[in-house]
Amino acid sequence: MSELIPLDVAMTHLYAEEADKEQVARKLAGAVAIAERYMGRKIYANFSQLQDAQATATLERKNLSQDDELYQSQLSDLQMQTRGVVISPDIETAILLVLGTLYAYREDVAAGVAELPTSAKFYLQSYRVMGV
């Protein structure tokens, strides 16, 4: 899958030094995962990738075995894939906000860091899948 947010965009957003590039790349991947979990949807770079992922998920879902110990986890992953969304400016902004928090607070010692930044929630809320 292609990059959702180019690393140079993330580096510029953080005013990060070249020496931090590897760390920023890892934190960017984490920020994407956090946004996906919050929304309950996988994020794709374009509509074609979304369609391919949805088709794959539909096929894989038919082959799932309820006897498998990982059934619920696999089902959840496939549901996130099926509900996927193409990255938008709102989602990109939210990911960069989460990235900024992860980068600024490299140790989990600051109050409130374990929670998604309020501004990121604002941008992601309309994409969130709400279940009953």
Protein backbone atom coordinates (compact mmCIF):
# COMPACT_ATOMS: atom_id res chain seq x y z
CA MET A 1 0.00 0.00 0.00
CA SER A 2 1.30 3.45 -0.80
CA GLU A 3 1.97 5.98 1.89
CA LEU A 4 -1.10 7.77 3.16
CA ILE A 5 0.92 10.76 4.29
CA PRO A 6 4.38 11.25 2.80
CA LEU A 7 7.16 11.16 5.36
CA ASP A 8 8.43 14.57 4.23
CA VAL A 9 5.00 16.06 5.04
CA ALA A 10 5.15 14.53 8.52
CA MET A 11 8.72 15.75 9.03
CA THR A 12 7.75 19.29 8.02
CA HIS A 13 4.67 19.18 10.27
CA LEU A 14 6.87 18.29 13.24
CA TYR A 15 9.79 20.55 12.33
CA ALA A 16 11.80 17.35 12.83
CA GLU A 17 15.47 16.92 12.10
CA GLU A 18 16.77 14.47 9.49
CA ALA A 19 18.17 12.32 12.29
CA ASP A 20 14.61 11.76 13.57
CA LYS A 21 13.32 10.39 10.25
CA GLU A 22 13.16 6.73 11.33
CA GLN A 23 11.42 7.61 14.59
CA VAL A 24 8.92 9.85 12.78
CA ALA A 25 8.15 7.05 10.30
CA ARG A 26 7.35 4.63 13.16
CA LYS A 27 5.23 7.20 14.97
CA LEU A 28 3.41 8.07 11.74
CA ALA A 29 2.47 4.40 11.30
CA GLY A 30 1.26 4.41 14.91
CA ALA A 31 -0.77 7.58 14.37
CA VAL A 32 -2.48 6.01 11.35
CA ALA A 33 -3.30 2.89 13.40
CA ILE A 34 -4.71 5.03 16.23
CA ALA A 35 -6.94 6.93 13.80
CA GLU A 36 -8.13 3.68 12.21
CA ARG A 37 -9.00 2.12 15.56
CA TYR A 38 -10.84 5.25 16.68
CA MET A 39 -12.91 5.35 13.48
CA GLY A 40 -13.36 1.58 13.23
CA ARG A 41 -12.24 1.84 9.58
CA LYS A 42 -9.10 1.21 7.58
CA ILE A 43 -7.75 4.21 5.70
CA TYR A 44 -6.75 3.91 2.04
CA ALA A 45 -4.81 6.24 -0.25
CA ASN A 46 -7.37 6.11 -3.06
CA PHE A 47 -10.71 4.66 -4.12
CA SER A 48 -9.12 1.85 -6.14
CA GLN A 49 -7.25 0.56 -3.06
CA LEU A 50 -10.46 0.79 -1.03
CA GLN A 51 -12.40 -1.25 -3.60
CA ASP A 52 -9.66 -3.90 -3.78
CA ALA A 53 -9.56 -4.17 0.01
CA GLN A 54 -13.33 -4.46 0.24
CA ALA A 55 -13.41 -7.22 -2.39
CA THR A 56 -10.61 -9.09 -0.60
CA ALA A 57 -12.36 -8.73 2.76
CA THR A 58 -15.61 -10.07 1.33
CA LEU A 59 -13.84 -13.18 0.03
CA GLU A 60 -11.85 -13.72 3.22
CA ARG A 61 -14.96 -13.31 5.35
CA LYS A 62 -16.61 -16.23 3.54
CA ASN A 63 -13.61 -18.42 4.40
CA LEU A 64 -13.49 -17.53 8.12
CA SER A 65 -13.98 -20.39 10.51
CA GLN A 66 -15.84 -19.69 13.74
CA ASP A 67 -13.81 -22.48 15.30
CA ASP A 68 -10.61 -20.48 14.87
CA GLU A 69 -9.32 -18.95 18.13
CA LEU A 70 -8.68 -15.68 16.31
CA TYR A 71 -12.16 -15.54 14.73
CA GLN A 72 -13.32 -12.38 16.51
CA SER A 73 -10.07 -10.55 15.83
CA GLN A 74 -10.06 -11.56 12.17
CA LEU A 75 -13.71 -10.63 11.80
CA SER A 76 -13.06 -7.23 13.36
CA ASP A 77 -10.14 -6.61 10.98
CA LEU A 78 -12.24 -7.59 7.97
CA GLN A 79 -15.08 -5.33 9.11
CA MET A 80 -12.66 -2.41 9.39
CA GLN A 81 -11.44 -3.21 5.88
CA THR A 82 -14.98 -3.41 4.51
CA ARG A 83 -15.93 -0.10 6.13
CA GLY A 84 -12.75 1.50 4.80
CA VAL A 85 -12.43 5.13 3.89
CA VAL A 86 -10.24 7.07 1.48
CA ILE A 87 -7.97 9.57 3.19
CA SER A 88 -9.34 13.10 3.20
CA PRO A 89 -7.92 16.42 4.38
CA ASP A 90 -9.78 15.97 7.69
CA ILE A 91 -8.31 12.52 8.28
CA GLU A 92 -4.83 13.67 7.28
CA THR A 93 -5.06 16.59 9.69
CA ALA A 94 -6.17 14.30 12.52
CA ILE A 95 -3.33 11.86 11.85
CA LEU A 96 -0.81 14.70 11.90
CA LEU A 97 -2.28 15.98 15.18
CA VAL A 98 -1.92 12.51 16.73
CA LEU A 99 1.59 12.28 15.31
CA GLY A 100 2.46 15.62 16.90
CA THR A 101 1.31 14.36 20.29
CA LEU A 102 3.25 11.10 19.93
CA TYR A 103 6.36 13.01 18.88
CA ALA A 104 6.13 15.67 21.58
CA TYR A 105 5.44 13.19 24.38
CA ARG A 106 7.88 10.38 23.69
CA GLU A 107 7.40 9.06 27.19
CA ASP A 108 3.93 8.37 28.58
CA VAL A 109 4.42 10.60 31.61
CA ALA A 110 2.39 13.67 30.68
CA ALA A 111 -1.18 13.91 31.89
CA GLY A 112 -3.76 13.17 29.21
CA VAL A 113 -1.33 11.76 26.65
CA ALA A 114 -2.97 8.33 26.62
CA GLU A 115 -6.11 9.92 25.20
CA LEU A 116 -6.64 10.91 21.58
CA PRO A 117 -6.14 14.68 21.22
CA THR A 118 -9.46 16.55 21.28
CA SER A 119 -8.69 18.28 18.01
CA ALA A 120 -8.02 14.91 16.33
CA LYS A 121 -11.34 13.58 17.65
CA PHE A 122 -13.05 16.60 16.11
CA TYR A 123 -11.68 15.75 12.67
CA LEU A 124 -12.32 11.99 12.92
CA GLN A 125 -15.73 11.96 14.62
CA SER A 126 -17.80 12.25 11.42
CA TYR A 127 -15.99 9.20 9.97
CA ARG A 128 -16.43 7.07 13.08
CA VAL A 129 -18.47 3.87 12.84
CA MET A 130 -20.87 3.73 15.75
CA GLY A 131 -22.25 0.31 16.60
CA VAL A 132 -25.09 -0.80 18.81
